[in-house]
């Protein structure tokens, strides 16, 4: 992730100590990958570290249209939302 990403994450983690960065790559979705990773930043070392996670239960297929509505702009290279400071 970029230096700008690190700066953005620094603001979020200062505002809320449980803030994480969700990095979505829909092209990685397959039977073994969810297509996203969760990260936090270490500002002393200026490095990112992966946050382990587990999804319990099954996906309700009725949620797929909403998930696709959220992900399609990302796939097209558009922001899914505007930053609070834009």
Protein backbone atom coordinates (compact mmCIF):
# COMPACT_ATOMS: atom_id res chain seq x y z
CA UNK A 1 0.00 0.00 0.00
CA UNK A 2 1.11 3.55 -0.62
CA UNK A 3 2.49 6.22 1.69
CA UNK A 4 -0.85 8.01 1.28
CA UNK A 5 -2.65 4.85 2.43
CA UNK A 6 -0.41 4.77 5.49
CA UNK A 7 -1.27 8.40 6.27
CA UNK A 8 -4.98 7.73 5.90
CA UNK A 9 -4.75 4.68 8.14
CA UNK A 10 -2.79 6.71 10.71
CA UNK A 11 -5.70 9.17 10.93
CA UNK A 12 -8.21 6.37 11.32
CA UNK A 13 -6.19 4.50 13.95
CA UNK A 14 -5.70 7.72 15.93
CA UNK A 15 -9.44 8.34 15.87
CA UNK A 16 -10.29 4.74 16.79
CA UNK A 17 -7.73 2.27 18.05
CA UNK A 18 -9.57 -0.70 16.48
CA UNK A 19 -9.59 0.75 12.93
CA UNK A 20 -8.50 -1.59 10.14
CA UNK A 21 -7.87 -1.28 6.42
CA UNK A 22 -9.95 -3.55 4.22
CA UNK A 23 -8.22 -4.26 0.89
CA UNK A 24 -10.55 -5.78 -1.70
CA UNK A 25 -9.40 -7.55 -4.85
CA UNK A 26 -12.48 -9.12 -6.44
CA UNK A 27 -10.32 -10.90 -9.00
CA UNK A 28 -8.89 -13.04 -6.19
CA UNK A 29 -12.28 -14.47 -5.17
CA UNK A 30 -12.25 -18.21 -5.63
CA UNK A 31 -13.05 -21.26 -3.55
CA UNK A 32 -10.10 -20.55 -1.22
CA UNK A 33 -9.90 -16.74 -1.12
CA UNK A 34 -12.57 -14.23 -0.11
CA UNK A 35 -10.96 -11.59 -2.31
CA UNK A 36 -10.00 -9.30 0.54
CA UNK A 37 -7.48 -8.94 3.35
CA UNK A 38 -7.61 -6.93 6.56
CA UNK A 39 -4.59 -4.88 7.68
CA UNK A 40 -3.39 -2.57 10.43
CA UNK A 41 -0.39 -0.30 10.29
CA UNK A 42 2.63 -0.06 12.57
CA UNK A 43 3.63 3.59 12.40
CA UNK A 44 7.00 3.18 14.10
CA UNK A 45 8.20 0.73 11.45
CA UNK A 46 5.94 2.17 8.70
CA UNK A 47 4.82 -1.36 7.83
CA UNK A 48 1.48 -3.05 7.37
CA UNK A 49 0.58 -6.30 9.06
CA UNK A 50 -2.20 -8.67 8.16
CA UNK A 51 -5.00 -9.17 10.68
CA UNK A 52 -6.10 -12.81 10.81
CA UNK A 53 -9.84 -13.34 10.47
CA UNK A 54 -12.32 -16.13 10.07
CA UNK A 55 -15.84 -16.04 8.67
CA UNK A 56 -18.20 -18.32 10.50
CA UNK A 57 -21.35 -19.67 8.97
CA UNK A 58 -22.54 -19.58 5.40
CA UNK A 59 -23.25 -16.71 3.06
CA UNK A 60 -26.94 -16.08 2.56
CA UNK A 61 -27.29 -16.01 -1.23
CA UNK A 62 -29.99 -13.34 -0.89
CA UNK A 63 -27.13 -10.96 0.04
CA UNK A 64 -25.33 -11.42 -3.30
CA UNK A 65 -27.08 -8.55 -5.15
CA UNK A 66 -26.09 -6.10 -2.40
CA UNK A 67 -22.52 -7.44 -2.31
CA UNK A 68 -22.23 -7.07 -6.09
CA UNK A 69 -23.71 -3.56 -5.96
CA UNK A 70 -20.95 -2.65 -3.49
CA UNK A 71 -18.14 -4.40 -5.38
CA UNK A 72 -18.93 -3.45 -9.00
CA UNK A 73 -17.71 0.16 -8.67
CA UNK A 74 -14.51 -1.16 -7.08
CA UNK A 75 -14.02 -3.58 -9.97
CA UNK A 76 -14.53 -0.65 -12.36
CA UNK A 77 -11.87 1.35 -10.51
CA UNK A 78 -14.32 3.80 -8.93
CA UNK A 79 -14.54 4.60 -5.21
CA UNK A 80 -17.27 2.78 -3.35
CA UNK A 81 -17.74 5.89 -1.21
CA UNK A 82 -16.19 9.30 -0.80
CA UNK A 83 -13.65 9.91 1.94
CA UNK A 84 -15.03 11.88 4.87
CA UNK A 85 -12.47 14.62 4.22
CA UNK A 86 -13.15 15.09 0.49
